[in-house]
N, C-alpha and C. Protein backbone atom coordinates (compact mmCIF):
# COMPACT_ATOMS: atom_id res chain seq x y z
N MET A 1 -44.36 55.39 17.15
CA MET A 1 -43.52 56.58 17.14
C MET A 1 -44.10 57.57 16.15
N VAL A 2 -44.05 58.80 16.52
CA VAL A 2 -44.58 59.87 15.67
C VAL A 2 -43.63 60.08 14.49
N ILE A 3 -44.21 60.20 13.31
CA ILE A 3 -43.43 60.48 12.11
C ILE A 3 -43.53 61.98 11.84
N PHE A 4 -42.40 62.67 11.81
CA PHE A 4 -42.40 64.11 11.64
C PHE A 4 -42.08 64.56 10.23
N GLY A 5 -41.45 63.70 9.47
CA GLY A 5 -41.01 64.13 8.15
C GLY A 5 -40.02 65.26 8.29
N ARG A 6 -40.29 66.35 7.62
CA ARG A 6 -39.38 67.49 7.67
C ARG A 6 -39.87 68.60 8.58
N ASP A 7 -40.91 68.35 9.32
CA ASP A 7 -41.48 69.38 10.19
C ASP A 7 -40.74 69.44 11.52
N GLU A 8 -39.67 70.21 11.55
CA GLU A 8 -38.83 70.33 12.74
C GLU A 8 -39.57 70.98 13.90
N GLU A 9 -40.48 71.90 13.59
CA GLU A 9 -41.23 72.56 14.66
C GLU A 9 -42.14 71.56 15.37
N ALA A 10 -42.80 70.69 14.63
CA ALA A 10 -43.65 69.66 15.24
C ALA A 10 -42.82 68.72 16.10
N LYS A 11 -41.64 68.41 15.65
CA LYS A 11 -40.73 67.55 16.40
C LYS A 11 -40.34 68.21 17.73
N LYS A 12 -40.01 69.49 17.69
CA LYS A 12 -39.64 70.23 18.90
C LYS A 12 -40.80 70.25 19.90
N VAL A 13 -42.00 70.52 19.39
CA VAL A 13 -43.18 70.56 20.25
C VAL A 13 -43.42 69.19 20.88
N TYR A 14 -43.31 68.14 20.08
CA TYR A 14 -43.53 66.79 20.60
C TYR A 14 -42.57 66.49 21.75
N TYR A 15 -41.28 66.70 21.54
CA TYR A 15 -40.29 66.36 22.56
C TYR A 15 -40.32 67.31 23.76
N ALA A 16 -40.79 68.51 23.58
CA ALA A 16 -40.88 69.46 24.69
C ALA A 16 -42.15 69.29 25.50
N GLU A 17 -43.26 68.94 24.83
CA GLU A 17 -44.56 68.95 25.51
C GLU A 17 -45.21 67.57 25.65
N LYS A 18 -45.24 66.81 24.59
CA LYS A 18 -46.01 65.56 24.60
C LYS A 18 -45.21 64.37 25.12
N ALA A 19 -43.99 64.23 24.67
CA ALA A 19 -43.17 63.07 25.08
C ALA A 19 -43.00 63.01 26.60
N PRO A 20 -42.71 64.13 27.27
CA PRO A 20 -42.55 64.04 28.72
C PRO A 20 -43.79 63.51 29.46
N LEU A 21 -44.96 63.84 28.97
CA LEU A 21 -46.19 63.34 29.60
C LEU A 21 -46.29 61.83 29.48
N THR A 22 -46.00 61.32 28.31
CA THR A 22 -46.04 59.87 28.10
C THR A 22 -44.95 59.17 28.90
N LEU A 23 -43.76 59.71 28.87
CA LEU A 23 -42.64 59.09 29.58
C LEU A 23 -42.87 59.11 31.09
N GLU A 24 -43.51 60.15 31.59
CA GLU A 24 -43.82 60.20 33.01
C GLU A 24 -44.78 59.08 33.40
N LYS A 25 -45.76 58.82 32.55
CA LYS A 25 -46.70 57.72 32.81
C LYS A 25 -45.99 56.38 32.78
N LEU A 26 -45.12 56.17 31.80
CA LEU A 26 -44.38 54.92 31.72
C LEU A 26 -43.47 54.74 32.94
N ASP A 27 -42.83 55.83 33.37
CA ASP A 27 -41.96 55.79 34.54
C ASP A 27 -42.75 55.36 35.78
N LYS A 28 -43.96 55.87 35.93
CA LYS A 28 -44.80 55.52 37.08
C LYS A 28 -45.22 54.05 37.04
N VAL A 29 -45.45 53.52 35.86
CA VAL A 29 -45.81 52.10 35.74
C VAL A 29 -44.67 51.22 36.24
N VAL A 30 -43.46 51.55 35.83
CA VAL A 30 -42.29 50.77 36.26
C VAL A 30 -42.10 50.93 37.77
N ALA A 31 -42.24 52.14 38.27
CA ALA A 31 -42.06 52.40 39.70
C ALA A 31 -43.09 51.66 40.55
N LYS A 32 -44.30 51.55 40.05
CA LYS A 32 -45.40 50.91 40.78
C LYS A 32 -45.06 49.49 41.21
N HIS A 33 -44.35 48.76 40.37
CA HIS A 33 -44.01 47.37 40.66
C HIS A 33 -42.59 47.21 41.19
N GLY A 34 -41.91 48.30 41.44
CA GLY A 34 -40.59 48.25 42.05
C GLY A 34 -39.43 48.04 41.11
N GLY A 35 -39.71 47.84 39.82
CA GLY A 35 -38.66 47.72 38.81
C GLY A 35 -37.73 46.55 39.07
N PRO A 36 -36.75 46.34 38.27
CA PRO A 36 -36.38 47.24 37.19
C PRO A 36 -37.26 47.08 35.95
N PHE A 37 -38.12 46.04 35.95
CA PHE A 37 -38.97 45.80 34.79
C PHE A 37 -40.40 46.24 35.08
N VAL A 38 -41.23 46.24 34.06
CA VAL A 38 -42.63 46.64 34.20
C VAL A 38 -43.34 45.75 35.22
N LEU A 39 -43.01 44.47 35.25
CA LEU A 39 -43.62 43.54 36.20
C LEU A 39 -42.73 43.32 37.43
N GLY A 40 -41.91 44.28 37.74
CA GLY A 40 -41.03 44.16 38.89
C GLY A 40 -39.74 43.45 38.51
N LYS A 41 -39.54 42.27 39.07
CA LYS A 41 -38.32 41.51 38.81
C LYS A 41 -38.46 40.61 37.58
N THR A 42 -39.67 40.50 37.03
CA THR A 42 -39.94 39.60 35.91
C THR A 42 -39.80 40.33 34.58
N PHE A 43 -38.91 39.83 33.73
CA PHE A 43 -38.70 40.39 32.40
C PHE A 43 -39.81 39.91 31.47
N SER A 44 -40.33 40.81 30.62
CA SER A 44 -41.39 40.44 29.68
C SER A 44 -41.20 41.18 28.36
N PHE A 45 -42.01 40.80 27.39
CA PHE A 45 -41.99 41.44 26.08
C PHE A 45 -42.28 42.95 26.19
N VAL A 46 -43.09 43.33 27.15
CA VAL A 46 -43.40 44.75 27.35
C VAL A 46 -42.13 45.55 27.63
N ASP A 47 -41.19 44.94 28.34
CA ASP A 47 -39.93 45.63 28.64
C ASP A 47 -39.16 45.93 27.36
N LEU A 48 -39.22 45.04 26.39
CA LEU A 48 -38.57 45.31 25.10
C LEU A 48 -39.22 46.50 24.41
N SER A 49 -40.53 46.58 24.50
CA SER A 49 -41.25 47.71 23.91
C SER A 49 -40.86 49.01 24.59
N TYR A 50 -40.83 49.01 25.91
CA TYR A 50 -40.42 50.19 26.66
C TYR A 50 -38.99 50.57 26.29
N TYR A 51 -38.12 49.57 26.21
CA TYR A 51 -36.72 49.82 25.85
C TYR A 51 -36.64 50.57 24.52
N LEU A 52 -37.40 50.12 23.53
CA LEU A 52 -37.37 50.75 22.21
C LEU A 52 -37.87 52.20 22.28
N VAL A 53 -38.90 52.44 23.03
CA VAL A 53 -39.42 53.80 23.20
C VAL A 53 -38.36 54.68 23.85
N ILE A 54 -37.77 54.18 24.92
CA ILE A 54 -36.74 54.94 25.64
C ILE A 54 -35.56 55.23 24.72
N ASP A 55 -35.08 54.20 24.04
CA ASP A 55 -33.91 54.33 23.20
C ASP A 55 -34.12 55.35 22.08
N ARG A 56 -35.30 55.35 21.49
CA ARG A 56 -35.58 56.30 20.40
C ARG A 56 -35.72 57.72 20.92
N HIS A 57 -36.22 57.88 22.12
CA HIS A 57 -36.37 59.22 22.68
C HIS A 57 -35.04 59.79 23.18
N LEU A 58 -34.09 58.93 23.47
CA LEU A 58 -32.80 59.39 23.99
C LEU A 58 -32.07 60.32 23.03
N THR A 59 -32.27 60.13 21.74
CA THR A 59 -31.56 60.97 20.77
C THR A 59 -31.99 62.44 20.88
N GLN A 60 -33.26 62.66 21.21
CA GLN A 60 -33.78 64.02 21.31
C GLN A 60 -33.88 64.50 22.75
N MET A 61 -33.82 63.56 23.70
CA MET A 61 -33.97 63.90 25.11
C MET A 61 -32.85 63.24 25.92
N PRO A 62 -31.63 63.75 25.79
CA PRO A 62 -30.51 63.11 26.49
C PRO A 62 -30.66 63.11 28.02
N GLU A 63 -31.52 63.96 28.55
CA GLU A 63 -31.75 64.03 29.99
C GLU A 63 -32.78 63.01 30.47
N LEU A 64 -33.29 62.20 29.57
CA LEU A 64 -34.38 61.26 29.87
C LEU A 64 -34.07 60.37 31.07
N MET A 65 -32.88 59.81 31.13
CA MET A 65 -32.53 58.86 32.19
C MET A 65 -32.56 59.53 33.58
N GLU A 66 -32.13 60.78 33.66
CA GLU A 66 -32.14 61.48 34.93
C GLU A 66 -33.56 61.95 35.28
N ARG A 67 -34.28 62.36 34.28
CA ARG A 67 -35.63 62.89 34.49
C ARG A 67 -36.63 61.81 34.85
N PHE A 68 -36.44 60.62 34.28
CA PHE A 68 -37.34 59.48 34.52
C PHE A 68 -36.49 58.29 34.95
N PRO A 69 -36.07 58.27 36.21
CA PRO A 69 -35.08 57.28 36.66
C PRO A 69 -35.51 55.83 36.52
N HIS A 70 -36.77 55.54 36.70
CA HIS A 70 -37.21 54.14 36.56
C HIS A 70 -37.08 53.65 35.12
N LEU A 71 -37.29 54.56 34.17
CA LEU A 71 -37.07 54.18 32.77
C LEU A 71 -35.59 53.97 32.51
N GLY A 72 -34.75 54.75 33.16
CA GLY A 72 -33.31 54.55 33.05
C GLY A 72 -32.89 53.19 33.59
N PHE A 73 -33.47 52.80 34.73
CA PHE A 73 -33.16 51.48 35.30
C PHE A 73 -33.64 50.37 34.38
N LEU A 74 -34.84 50.54 33.82
CA LEU A 74 -35.36 49.53 32.91
C LEU A 74 -34.46 49.40 31.68
N HIS A 75 -34.08 50.51 31.11
CA HIS A 75 -33.22 50.52 29.92
C HIS A 75 -31.92 49.76 30.21
N ALA A 76 -31.31 50.07 31.34
CA ALA A 76 -30.05 49.41 31.72
C ALA A 76 -30.26 47.92 31.98
N ALA A 77 -31.37 47.57 32.62
CA ALA A 77 -31.63 46.16 32.92
C ALA A 77 -31.88 45.35 31.65
N VAL A 78 -32.56 45.95 30.69
CA VAL A 78 -32.81 45.24 29.42
C VAL A 78 -31.51 45.00 28.67
N ILE A 79 -30.67 46.01 28.54
CA ILE A 79 -29.43 45.82 27.78
C ILE A 79 -28.41 44.97 28.52
N ALA A 80 -28.63 44.75 29.82
CA ALA A 80 -27.73 43.89 30.59
C ALA A 80 -28.08 42.40 30.44
N ARG A 81 -29.24 42.11 29.91
CA ARG A 81 -29.61 40.70 29.72
C ARG A 81 -28.66 40.09 28.69
N PRO A 82 -28.10 38.92 28.98
CA PRO A 82 -27.06 38.34 28.12
C PRO A 82 -27.41 38.23 26.63
N ASN A 83 -28.58 37.73 26.32
CA ASN A 83 -28.94 37.57 24.90
C ASN A 83 -29.14 38.92 24.21
N ILE A 84 -29.68 39.88 24.92
CA ILE A 84 -29.88 41.20 24.33
C ILE A 84 -28.55 41.91 24.18
N ALA A 85 -27.69 41.80 25.17
CA ALA A 85 -26.35 42.40 25.08
C ALA A 85 -25.59 41.82 23.90
N ALA A 86 -25.70 40.50 23.70
CA ALA A 86 -25.01 39.86 22.57
C ALA A 86 -25.57 40.36 21.25
N TYR A 87 -26.87 40.50 21.17
CA TYR A 87 -27.49 41.01 19.95
C TYR A 87 -27.03 42.44 19.66
N LEU A 88 -27.06 43.30 20.69
CA LEU A 88 -26.67 44.70 20.50
C LEU A 88 -25.21 44.83 20.11
N ALA A 89 -24.38 43.88 20.54
CA ALA A 89 -22.96 43.91 20.18
C ALA A 89 -22.68 43.29 18.82
N SER A 90 -23.69 42.65 18.25
CA SER A 90 -23.50 41.96 16.97
C SER A 90 -23.63 42.91 15.78
N ASN A 91 -23.36 42.36 14.61
CA ASN A 91 -23.52 43.13 13.38
C ASN A 91 -24.94 42.99 12.82
N ARG A 92 -25.85 42.39 13.58
CA ARG A 92 -27.23 42.21 13.14
C ARG A 92 -28.12 43.39 13.46
N VAL A 93 -27.64 44.31 14.27
CA VAL A 93 -28.44 45.47 14.67
C VAL A 93 -28.54 46.44 13.51
N PRO A 94 -29.77 46.79 13.10
CA PRO A 94 -29.91 47.78 12.01
C PRO A 94 -29.31 49.12 12.41
N LYS A 95 -28.67 49.75 11.48
CA LYS A 95 -28.03 51.06 11.74
C LYS A 95 -28.92 52.18 11.34
C-alpha cells in the first residue's frame, strides 16, 4: 500500500489515476477464472491478499464494488467464509 503521509494531493492522484488501473487488472484476473476467487471456486491465500487491497481501497473509493464487480464478489465471498466471518466479528480485529 502506498504511504502518503500528509500529502493529500498525492493521495487524490493515486485514487483517481493509479488505483483504478491496478484494480482493473485484479478484476480481470478474478473474472478470467470465473470467480468468486482468484482460482475460480478454490479459496487461496491470494484471495486474502486481494481482500485486504479491496478493503483498504474502499475507504477512498466507495464505488469500487460497482466499478469492479468481480472484486466485489471476491470481497463478499472472503468475508462469508465461516472462520473469516468469525474473526471479523471478534474483538481481535485491529481498529
